[in-house]
Amino acid sequence: MGAELVQKKIEDNTGWILLNNVTKKNALGSEMYKRILTILDQYEEDENIRVIVIRGNGGNFSAGYDLSQGMPDSYRDFVKKLDGPVSRRLWYGPKPTISMVEGYCLGGGFELAMGADFVYATDDALLGEPEIDFFFTPDFNSLPCIILPRKAKEMILLGQVISGTEAAEIGFINRSFTSTRLEEEVKKVCRRLVSLPEETVATAKTGLNGAFDAQGFGNAIAYGEEIAIYNGLRGQTNPQCQEFHRTIKEKGLKEAIKRFRDYGQSGSLDEAGWKK
């Protein structure tokens, strides 16, 4: 039996969720989302766990949804029962959550990371929503709520991908660090959270989320899900979208991406584009 695609470890009152689809840069699939939800259930019930951290093994957080496995049979069920609930659980769950981002953090992986209360990344991490090239819109559409409107439009409508350094500068992650410092800096935050009174932290998180929802965050996320589902239905009759998925089946994902994605046109990182 191969290694689990999502692993867990517990140390120093911190529950770690480790994405482990390393050969595919931790691309996400339905079974991985199910596994994350199961681990979240376990961590939320464990009184010894005070903080939850999600990261990717092998130097990448996640390159996004694994398009090579094909579209879910029901995109509505996928959004409403799998990827949406994972991000919501990270955001609304009683325990503080942290995304530790290295390498690629794109598309569905980006939306997963944005569900956490805190996001810390390496300076050279690549974050963004490039899925517009592949006929998708964000499922967990948090960007319009956490950054300036025109920057959100630039990132989503152009498919722009930016570095961890810029992401920290414009405020949709907390901070960025060198790759040698990131893990220790995240553990410092964990130690601080563990040292605080558990019930007070949970109550403060509930209060913050209530204030954000009063400003429209919850409605914005729900609306984004419905738009993503609507877009998924439209894709079933879009000739270009059908051609994209046919190319994946016939020639593989890399060839399909090469055919449909122009890395130099997203206006990110440098003139050569962002692909490593």
C-alpha atoms as a PDB file:
ATOM      1  CA  MET A   1       0.000   0.000   0.000  1.00  0.00           C
ATOM      2  CA  GLY A   2       1.351   3.411  -0.941  1.00  0.00           C
ATOM      3  CA  ALA A   3       1.702   6.358   1.370  1.00  0.00           C
ATOM      4  CA  GLU A   4      -1.481   8.223   2.261  1.00  0.00           C
ATOM      5  CA  LEU A   5      -2.141  11.270   0.108  1.00  0.00           C
ATOM      6  CA  VAL A   6      -2.929  13.266   3.251  1.00  0.00           C
ATOM      7  CA  GLN A   7      -0.951  12.498   6.387  1.00  0.00           C
ATOM      8  CA  LYS A   8      -1.221  13.749   9.947  1.00  0.00           C
ATOM      9  CA  LYS A   9       1.141  14.220  12.866  1.00  0.00           C
ATOM     10  CA  ILE A  10       0.711  15.660  16.340  1.00  0.00           C
ATOM     11  CA  GLU A  11       3.453  17.453  18.226  1.00  0.00           C
ATOM     12  CA  ASP A  12       3.522  20.120  20.924  1.00  0.00           C
ATOM     13  CA  ASN A  13      -0.278  20.444  21.048  1.00  0.00           C
ATOM     14  CA  THR A  14      -0.341  21.136  17.312  1.00  0.00           C
ATOM     15  CA  GLY A  15      -2.140  18.956  14.794  1.00  0.00           C
ATOM     16  CA  TRP A  16      -0.452  18.942  11.403  1.00  0.00           C
ATOM     17  CA  ILE A  17      -2.239  18.093   8.142  1.00  0.00           C
ATOM     18  CA  LEU A  18       0.309  17.158   5.487  1.00  0.00           C
ATOM     19  CA  LEU A  19      -0.642  17.060   1.807  1.00  0.00           C
ATOM     20  CA  ASN A  20       1.342  14.171   0.366  1.00  0.00           C
ATOM     21  CA  ASN A  21       0.567  13.888  -3.344  1.00  0.00           C
ATOM     22  CA  VAL A  22       4.162  14.908  -3.940  1.00  0.00           C
ATOM     23  CA  THR A  23       4.627  13.610  -7.489  1.00  0.00           C
ATOM     24  CA  LYS A  24       1.779  15.907  -8.593  1.00  0.00           C
ATOM     25  CA  LYS A  25       2.896  18.890  -6.497  1.00  0.00           C
ATOM     26  CA  ASN A  26       0.143  18.013  -4.021  1.00  0.00           C
ATOM     27  CA  ALA A  27      -2.647  18.457  -6.553  1.00  0.00           C
ATOM     28  CA  LEU A  28      -5.956  17.888  -4.809  1.00  0.00           C
ATOM     29  CA  GLY A  29      -8.655  15.339  -5.478  1.00  0.00           C
ATOM     30  CA  SER A  30     -11.936  14.271  -3.901  1.00  0.00           C
ATOM     31  CA  GLU A  31     -10.395  11.592  -1.695  1.00  0.00           C
ATOM     32  CA  MET A  32      -7.882  14.097  -0.331  1.00  0.00           C
ATOM     33  CA  TYR A  33     -10.651  16.508   0.626  1.00  0.00           C
ATOM     34  CA  LYS A  34     -12.518  13.672   2.366  1.00  0.00           C
ATOM     35  CA  ARG A  35      -9.375  12.757   4.283  1.00  0.00           C
ATOM     36  CA  ILE A  36      -8.807  16.366   5.373  1.00  0.00           C
ATOM     37  CA  LEU A  37     -12.372  16.561   6.699  1.00  0.00           C
ATOM     38  CA  THR A  38     -11.833  13.339   8.658  1.00  0.00           C
ATOM     39  CA  ILE A  39      -8.622  14.667  10.198  1.00  0.00           C
ATOM     40  CA  LEU A  40     -10.305  17.956  11.089  1.00  0.00           C
ATOM     41  CA  ASP A  41     -13.016  15.961  12.892  1.00  0.00           C
ATOM     42  CA  GLN A  42     -10.351  14.147  14.890  1.00  0.00           C
ATOM     43  CA  TYR A  43      -8.358  17.272  15.709  1.00  0.00           C
ATOM     44  CA  GLU A  44     -11.385  19.292  16.777  1.00  0.00           C
ATOM     45  CA  GLU A  45     -12.432  16.502  19.173  1.00  0.00           C
ATOM     46  CA  ASP A  46      -8.937  16.085  20.661  1.00  0.00           C
ATOM     47  CA  GLU A  47      -8.633  18.350  23.699  1.00  0.00           C
ATOM     48  CA  ASN A  48      -4.836  18.171  23.566  1.00  0.00           C
ATOM     49  CA  ILE A  49      -4.710  19.821  20.136  1.00  0.00           C
ATOM     50  CA  ARG A  50      -4.830  23.585  20.369  1.00  0.00           C
ATOM     51  CA  VAL A  51      -3.703  24.632  16.870  1.00  0.00           C
ATOM     52  CA  ILE A  52      -4.103  23.085  13.399  1.00  0.00           C
ATOM     53  CA  VAL A  53      -1.488  23.601  10.660  1.00  0.00           C
ATOM     54  CA  ILE A  54      -1.832  22.528   7.033  1.00  0.00           C
ATOM     55  CA  ARG A  55       1.171  22.319   4.721  1.00  0.00           C
ATOM     56  CA  GLY A  56       2.397  20.371   1.711  1.00  0.00           C
ATOM     57  CA  ASN A  57       5.192  17.816   1.681  1.00  0.00           C
ATOM     58  CA  GLY A  58       7.968  17.988  -0.897  1.00  0.00           C
ATOM     59  CA  GLY A  59       8.346  21.757  -1.155  1.00  0.00           C
ATOM     60  CA  ASN A  60       4.917  22.668  -2.559  1.00  0.00           C
ATOM     61  CA  PHE A  61       1.690  23.550  -0.785  1.00  0.00           C
ATOM     62  CA  SER A  62      -0.582  22.537  -3.683  1.00  0.00           C
ATOM     63  CA  ALA A  63      -0.654  23.172  -7.427  1.00  0.00           C
ATOM     64  CA  GLY A  64      -4.461  23.084  -7.363  1.00  0.00           C
ATOM     65  CA  TYR A  65      -7.166  20.622  -8.315  1.00  0.00           C
ATOM     66  CA  ASP A  66      -5.885  17.506 -10.098  1.00  0.00           C
ATOM     67  CA  LEU A  67      -7.391  17.975 -13.554  1.00  0.00           C
ATOM     68  CA  SER A  68      -5.915  14.690 -14.751  1.00  0.00           C
ATOM     69  CA  GLN A  69      -8.571  12.790 -12.773  1.00  0.00           C
ATOM     70  CA  GLY A  70     -11.370  14.438 -14.742  1.00  0.00           C
ATOM     71  CA  MET A  71     -14.233  16.571 -13.510  1.00  0.00           C
ATOM     72  CA  PRO A  72     -16.350  15.393 -10.569  1.00  0.00           C
ATOM     73  CA  ASP A  73     -19.608  13.698 -11.593  1.00  0.00           C
ATOM     74  CA  SER A  74     -21.515  16.435  -9.788  1.00  0.00           C
ATOM     75  CA  TYR A  75     -19.648  19.710  -9.521  1.00  0.00           C
ATOM     76  CA  ARG A  76     -22.305  21.020  -7.114  1.00  0.00           C
ATOM     77  CA  ASP A  77     -21.725  18.102  -4.744  1.00  0.00           C
ATOM     78  CA  PHE A  78     -17.964  18.593  -5.015  1.00  0.00           C
ATOM     79  CA  VAL A  79     -18.206  22.284  -4.121  1.00  0.00           C
ATOM     80  CA  LYS A  80     -20.897  21.919  -1.450  1.00  0.00           C
ATOM     81  CA  LYS A  81     -19.725  18.690   0.199  1.00  0.00           C
ATOM     82  CA  LEU A  82     -15.947  18.589  -0.254  1.00  0.00           C
ATOM     83  CA  ASP A  83     -13.737  21.540  -1.119  1.00  0.00           C
ATOM     84  CA  GLY A  84     -16.108  24.211   0.193  1.00  0.00           C
ATOM     85  CA  PRO A  85     -16.592  22.522   3.579  1.00  0.00           C
ATOM     86  CA  VAL A  86     -12.829  22.066   4.019  1.00  0.00           C
ATOM     87  CA  SER A  87     -12.102  25.782   3.600  1.00  0.00           C
ATOM     88  CA  ARG A  88     -15.106  26.695   5.750  1.00  0.00           C
ATOM     89  CA  ARG A  89     -14.006  24.316   8.508  1.00  0.00           C
ATOM     90  CA  LEU A  90     -10.565  25.906   8.601  1.00  0.00           C
ATOM     91  CA  TRP A  91     -12.111  29.388   8.749  1.00  0.00           C
ATOM     92  CA  TYR A  92     -15.031  28.772  11.098  1.00  0.00           C
ATOM     93  CA  GLY A  93     -13.760  25.867  13.203  1.00  0.00           C
ATOM     94  CA  PRO A  94     -13.212  26.506  16.927  1.00  0.00           C
ATOM     95  CA  LYS A  95      -9.439  26.077  16.873  1.00  0.00           C
ATOM     96  CA  PRO A  96      -6.974  28.491  15.238  1.00  0.00           C
ATOM     97  CA  THR A  97      -5.675  27.297  11.885  1.00  0.00           C
ATOM     98  CA  ILE A  98      -2.506  28.097   9.933  1.00  0.00           C
ATOM     99  CA  SER A  99      -1.510  27.513   6.322  1.00  0.00           C
ATOM    100  CA  MET A 100       2.239  27.099   5.840  1.00  0.00           C
ATOM    101  CA  VAL A 101       2.933  27.786   2.166  1.00  0.00           C
ATOM    102  CA  GLU A 102       5.945  26.821   0.083  1.00  0.00           C
ATOM    103  CA  GLY A 103       6.338  26.532  -3.677  1.00  0.00           C
ATOM    104  CA  TYR A 104       3.114  26.354  -5.665  1.00  0.00           C
ATOM    105  CA  CYS A 105      -0.104  27.502  -3.986  1.00  0.00           C
ATOM    106  CA  LEU A 106      -2.526  27.826  -6.887  1.00  0.00           C
ATOM    107  CA  GLY A 107      -6.185  27.445  -7.769  1.00  0.00           C
ATOM    108  CA  GLY A 108      -7.848  24.956  -5.448  1.00  0.00           C
ATOM    109  CA  GLY A 109      -4.673  24.834  -3.365  1.00  0.00           C
ATOM    110  CA  PHE A 110      -4.761  28.602  -2.976  1.00  0.00           C
ATOM    111  CA  GLU A 111      -8.407  28.483  -1.902  1.00  0.00           C
ATOM    112  CA  LEU A 112      -7.573  25.769   0.626  1.00  0.00           C
ATOM    113  CA  ALA A 113      -4.749  27.875   2.061  1.00  0.00           C
ATOM    114  CA  MET A 114      -6.951  30.968   2.266  1.00  0.00           C
ATOM    115  CA  GLY A 115      -9.380  29.116   4.522  1.00  0.00           C
ATOM    116  CA  ALA A 116      -6.940  29.256   7.428  1.00  0.00           C
ATOM    117  CA  ASP A 117      -6.913  32.019  10.037  1.00  0.00           C
ATOM    118  CA  PHE A 118      -3.216  32.691   9.444  1.00  0.00           C
ATOM    119  CA  VAL A 119      -1.190  32.236   6.256  1.00  0.00           C
ATOM    120  CA  TYR A 120       2.620  32.327   6.243  1.00  0.00           C
ATOM    121  CA  ALA A 121       4.690  31.670   3.124  1.00  0.00           C
ATOM    122  CA  THR A 122       8.201  31.611   1.791  1.00  0.00           C
ATOM    123  CA  ASP A 123       9.291  34.748  -0.018  1.00  0.00           C
ATOM    124  CA  ASP A 124       9.467  32.860  -3.316  1.00  0.00           C
ATOM    125  CA  ALA A 125       6.204  30.925  -2.995  1.00  0.00           C
ATOM    126  CA  LEU A 126       3.829  31.316  -5.950  1.00  0.00           C
ATOM    127  CA  LEU A 127       0.256  32.182  -4.975  1.00  0.00           C
ATOM    128  CA  GLY A 128      -2.769  32.915  -7.104  1.00  0.00           C
ATOM    129  CA  GLU A 129      -5.877  31.931  -9.036  1.00  0.00           C
ATOM    130  CA  PRO A 130      -4.743  31.068 -12.594  1.00  0.00           C
ATOM    131  CA  GLU A 131      -7.706  28.775 -13.232  1.00  0.00           C
ATOM    132  CA  ILE A 132      -9.491  31.261 -15.488  1.00  0.00           C
ATOM    133  CA  ASP A 133      -7.329  29.867 -18.297  1.00  0.00           C
ATOM    134  CA  PHE A 134      -8.804  26.447 -17.582  1.00  0.00           C
ATOM    135  CA  PHE A 135     -12.458  27.536 -17.511  1.00  0.00           C
ATOM    136  CA  PHE A 136     -12.829  27.655 -13.711  1.00  0.00           C
ATOM    137  CA  THR A 137     -13.776  30.381 -11.254  1.00  0.00           C
ATOM    138  CA  PRO A 138     -12.806  30.289  -7.534  1.00  0.00           C
ATOM    139  CA  ASP A 139     -14.907  28.067  -5.272  1.00  0.00           C
ATOM    140  CA  PHE A 140     -13.788  29.708  -1.993  1.00  0.00           C
ATOM    141  CA  ASN A 141     -13.783  33.243  -3.358  1.00  0.00           C
ATOM    142  CA  SER A 142     -12.168  35.019  -0.409  1.00  0.00           C
ATOM    143  CA  LEU A 143      -9.919  37.439  -2.302  1.00  0.00           C
ATOM    144  CA  PRO A 144     -12.584  40.143  -2.875  1.00  0.00           C
ATOM    145  CA  CYS A 145     -13.113  40.231   0.896  1.00  0.00           C
ATOM    146  CA  ILE A 146      -9.493  40.484   2.009  1.00  0.00           C
ATOM    147  CA  ILE A 147      -7.738  42.702  -0.554  1.00  0.00           C
ATOM    148  CA  LEU A 148      -8.570  45.824  -2.540  1.00  0.00           C
ATOM    149  CA  PRO A 149     -11.238  45.309  -5.230  1.00  0.00           C
ATOM    150  CA  ARG A 150      -9.064  46.218  -8.223  1.00  0.00           C
ATOM    151  CA  LYS A 151      -6.269  43.907  -7.086  1.00  0.00           C
ATOM    152  CA  ALA A 152      -8.771  41.088  -6.629  1.00  0.00           C
ATOM    153  CA  LYS A 153     -10.028  41.666 -10.180  1.00  0.00           C
ATOM    154  CA  GLU A 154      -6.472  41.749 -11.500  1.00  0.00           C
ATOM    155  CA  MET A 155      -5.612  38.453  -9.859  1.00  0.00           C
ATOM    156  CA  ILE A 156      -8.787  36.595 -10.790  1.00  0.00           C
ATOM    157  CA  LEU A 157      -9.592  38.047 -14.228  1.00  0.00           C
ATOM    158  CA  LEU A 158      -5.965  37.992 -15.427  1.00  0.00           C
ATOM    159  CA  GLY A 159      -5.036  34.805 -13.586  1.00  0.00           C
ATOM    160  CA  GLN A 160      -2.160  36.654 -11.965  1.00  0.00           C
ATOM    161  CA  VAL A 161       0.268  34.735  -9.767  1.00  0.00           C
ATOM    162  CA  ILE A 162       2.436  36.599  -7.272  1.00  0.00           C
ATOM    163  CA  SER A 163       5.269  35.848  -4.883  1.00  0.00           C
ATOM    164  CA  GLY A 164       4.979  35.315  -1.153  1.00  0.00           C
ATOM    165  CA  THR A 165       6.742  38.637  -0.653  1.00  0.00           C
ATOM    166  CA  GLU A 166       4.131  40.562  -2.657  1.00  0.00           C
ATOM    167  CA  ALA A 167       1.278  38.599  -1.098  1.00  0.00           C
ATOM    168  CA  ALA A 168       2.436  39.792   2.336  1.00  0.00           C
ATOM    169  CA  GLU A 169       2.861  43.355   1.086  1.00  0.00           C
ATOM    170  CA  ILE A 170      -0.729  43.577  -0.164  1.00  0.00           C
ATOM    171  CA  GLY A 171      -2.086  41.826   2.907  1.00  0.00           C
ATOM    172  CA  PHE A 172      -3.714  38.576   1.871  1.00  0.00           C
ATOM    173  CA  ILE A 173      -1.144  36.564   3.791  1.00  0.00           C
ATOM    174  CA  ASN A 174       0.285  37.510   7.176  1.00  0.00           C
ATOM    175  CA  ARG A 175       4.004  37.440   6.477  1.00  0.00           C
ATOM    176  CA  SER A 176       6.623  35.853   4.248  1.00  0.00           C
ATOM    177  CA  PHE A 177      10.009  34.467   5.258  1.00  0.00           C
ATOM    178  CA  THR A 178      13.034  32.834   3.717  1.00  0.00           C
ATOM    179  CA  SER A 179      12.626  29.095   3.210  1.00  0.00           C
ATOM    180  CA  THR A 180      15.071  28.404   6.048  1.00  0.00           C
ATOM    181  CA  ARG A 181      13.000  30.431   8.531  1.00  0.00           C
ATOM    182  CA  LEU A 182       9.419  29.592   7.600  1.00  0.00           C
ATOM    183  CA  GLU A 183       8.842  26.460   9.675  1.00  0.00           C
ATOM    184  CA  GLU A 184      10.339  27.887  12.848  1.00  0.00           C
ATOM    185  CA  GLU A 185       8.346  31.107  12.453  1.00  0.00           C
ATOM    186  CA  VAL A 186       5.146  29.092  12.081  1.00  0.00           C
ATOM    187  CA  LYS A 187       6.038  27.078  15.170  1.00  0.00           C
ATOM    188  CA  LYS A 188       6.553  30.315  17.097  1.00  0.00           C
ATOM    189  CA  VAL A 189       2.992  31.309  16.271  1.00  0.00           C
ATOM    190  CA  CYS A 190       1.805  27.843  17.333  1.00  0.00           C
ATOM    191  CA  ARG A 191       3.605  28.118  20.673  1.00  0.00           C
ATOM    192  CA  ARG A 192       2.051  31.518  21.291  1.00  0.00           C
ATOM    193  CA  LEU A 193      -1.448  30.223  20.518  1.00  0.00           C
ATOM    194  CA  VAL A 194      -0.944  27.142  22.712  1.00  0.00           C
ATOM    195  CA  SER A 195       0.078  29.382  25.615  1.00  0.00           C
ATOM    196  CA  LEU A 196      -3.195  31.329  25.513  1.00  0.00           C
ATOM    197  CA  PRO A 197      -6.458  30.338  27.242  1.00  0.00           C
ATOM    198  CA  GLU A 198      -8.195  27.920  24.875  1.00  0.00           C
ATOM    199  CA  GLU A 199     -11.797  28.993  25.443  1.00  0.00           C
ATOM    200  CA  THR A 200     -10.917  32.669  25.125  1.00  0.00           C
ATOM    201  CA  VAL A 201      -9.138  32.078  21.807  1.00  0.00           C
ATOM    202  CA  ALA A 202     -12.152  30.141  20.494  1.00  0.00           C
ATOM    203  CA  THR A 203     -14.522  32.880  21.620  1.00  0.00           C
ATOM    204  CA  ALA A 204     -12.352  35.598  20.086  1.00  0.00           C
ATOM    205  CA  LYS A 205     -12.269  33.692  16.806  1.00  0.00           C
ATOM    206  CA  THR A 206     -16.057  33.398  16.843  1.00  0.00           C
ATOM    207  CA  GLY A 207     -16.329  37.128  17.494  1.00  0.00           C
ATOM    208  CA  LEU A 208     -13.982  38.001  14.649  1.00  0.00           C
ATOM    209  CA  ASN A 209     -15.791  35.750  12.208  1.00  0.00           C
ATOM    210  CA  GLY A 210     -19.130  37.175  13.299  1.00  0.00           C
ATOM    211  CA  ALA A 211     -17.842  40.670  12.567  1.00  0.00           C
ATOM    212  CA  PHE A 212     -16.539  39.592   9.153  1.00  0.00           C
ATOM    213  CA  ASP A 213     -19.852  37.954   8.333  1.00  0.00           C
ATOM    214  CA  ALA A 214     -21.699  41.114   9.385  1.00  0.00           C
ATOM    215  CA  GLN A 215     -19.624  42.861   6.728  1.00  0.00           C
ATOM    216  CA  GLY A 216     -20.666  40.253   4.163  1.00  0.00           C
ATOM    217  CA  PHE A 217     -17.898  37.630   4.180  1.00  0.00           C
ATOM    218  CA  GLY A 218     -20.175  34.609   4.624  1.00  0.00           C
ATOM    219  CA  ASN A 219     -22.588  35.780   1.925  1.00  0.00           C
ATOM    220  CA  ALA A 220     -19.680  36.491  -0.428  1.00  0.00           C
ATOM    221  CA  ILE A 221     -18.326  32.950   0.015  1.00  0.00           C
ATOM    222  CA  ALA A 222     -21.770  31.406  -0.531  1.00  0.00           C
ATOM    223  CA  TYR A 223     -22.296  33.530  -3.649  1.00  0.00           C
ATOM    224  CA  GLY A 224     -18.864  32.565  -4.970  1.00  0.00           C
ATOM    225  CA  GLU A 225     -19.748  28.892  -4.596  1.00  0.00           C
ATOM    226  CA  GLU A 226     -22.941  29.320  -6.598  1.00  0.00           C
ATOM    227  CA  ILE A 227     -21.087  31.195  -9.343  1.00  0.00           C
ATOM    228  CA  ALA A 228     -18.446  28.440  -9.480  1.00  0.00           C
ATOM    229  CA  ILE A 229     -21.172  25.787  -9.798  1.00  0.00           C
ATOM    230  CA  TYR A 230     -22.945  27.807 -12.508  1.00  0.00           C
ATOM    231  CA  ASN A 231     -19.665  28.197 -14.369  1.00  0.00           C
ATOM    232  CA  GLY A 232     -19.041  24.460 -14.100  1.00  0.00           C
ATOM    233  CA  LEU A 233     -22.407  23.786 -15.754  1.00  0.00           C
ATOM    234  CA  ARG A 234     -21.638  26.274 -18.523  1.00  0.00           C
ATOM    235  CA  GLY A 235     -18.323  24.514 -19.134  1.00  0.00           C
ATOM    236  CA  GLN A 236     -20.166  21.339 -20.114  1.00  0.00           C
ATOM    237  CA  THR A 237     -21.394  23.066 -23.274  1.00  0.00           C
ATOM    238  CA  ASN A 238     -18.370  25.294 -23.941  1.00  0.00           C
ATOM    239  CA  PRO A 239     -16.505  23.925 -26.995  1.00  0.00           C
ATOM    240  CA  GLN A 240     -13.133  25.240 -25.814  1.00  0.00           C
ATOM    241  CA  CYS A 241     -13.624  23.750 -22.366  1.00  0.00           C
ATOM    242  CA  GLN A 242     -14.583  20.418 -23.915  1.00  0.00           C
ATOM    243  CA  GLU A 243     -11.474  20.581 -26.097  1.00  0.00           C
ATOM    244  CA  PHE A 244      -9.322  21.310 -23.038  1.00  0.00           C
ATOM    245  CA  HIS A 245     -10.579  18.228 -21.184  1.00  0.00           C
ATOM    246  CA  ARG A 246     -10.369  16.124 -24.347  1.00  0.00           C
ATOM    247  CA  THR A 247      -6.719  17.161 -24.712  1.00  0.00           C
ATOM    248  CA  ILE A 248      -6.073  16.079 -21.123  1.00  0.00           C
ATOM    249  CA  LYS A 249      -7.502  12.635 -21.859  1.00  0.00           C
ATOM    250  CA  GLU A 250      -5.717  12.212 -25.192  1.00  0.00           C
ATOM    251  CA  LYS A 251      -2.373  13.920 -24.635  1.00  0.00           C
ATOM    252  CA  GLY A 252      -2.065  14.473 -20.903  1.00  0.00           C
ATOM    253  CA  LEU A 253      -2.386  17.403 -18.547  1.00  0.00           C
ATOM    254  CA  LYS A 254       0.976  19.017 -19.374  1.00  0.00           C
ATOM    255  CA  GLU A 255       0.139  19.199 -23.063  1.00  0.00           C
ATOM    256  CA  ALA A 256      -3.303  20.637 -22.331  1.00  0.00           C
ATOM    257  CA  ILE A 257      -1.860  23.305 -20.059  1.00  0.00           C
ATOM    258  CA  LYS A 258       0.842  24.130 -22.579  1.00  0.00           C
ATOM    259  CA  ARG A 259      -1.820  24.563 -25.232  1.00  0.00           C
ATOM    260  CA  PHE A 260      -4.193  26.737 -23.209  1.00  0.00           C
ATOM    261  CA  ARG A 261      -2.011  28.628 -20.714  1.00  0.00           C
ATOM    262  CA  ASP A 262       0.348  31.442 -21.722  1.00  0.00           C
ATOM    263  CA  TYR A 263       2.503  32.014 -18.638  1.00  0.00           C
ATOM    264  CA  GLY A 264       3.844  35.264 -20.022  1.00  0.00           C
ATOM    265  CA  GLN A 265       0.464  36.995 -20.169  1.00  0.00           C
ATOM    266  CA  SER A 266      -0.605  37.045 -16.522  1.00  0.00           C
ATOM    267  CA  GLY A 267       1.504  40.093 -15.682  1.00  0.00           C
ATOM    268  CA  SER A 268       3.213  38.413 -12.767  1.00  0.00           C
ATOM    269  CA  LEU A 269       6.726  38.072 -11.388  1.00  0.00           C
ATOM    270  CA  ASP A 270       8.558  38.961 -14.604  1.00  0.00           C
ATOM    271  CA  GLU A 271       8.212  39.046 -18.378  1.00  0.00           C
ATOM    272  CA  ALA A 272       8.939  35.341 -18.617  1.00  0.00           C
ATOM    273  CA  GLY A 273       5.926  34.504 -16.479  1.00  0.00           C
ATOM    274  CA  TRP A 274       5.742  32.624 -13.204  1.00  0.00           C
ATOM    275  CA  LYS A 275       6.180  28.953 -14.029  1.00  0.00           C
ATOM    276  CA  LYS A 276       9.145  27.378 -12.252  1.00  0.00           C
END
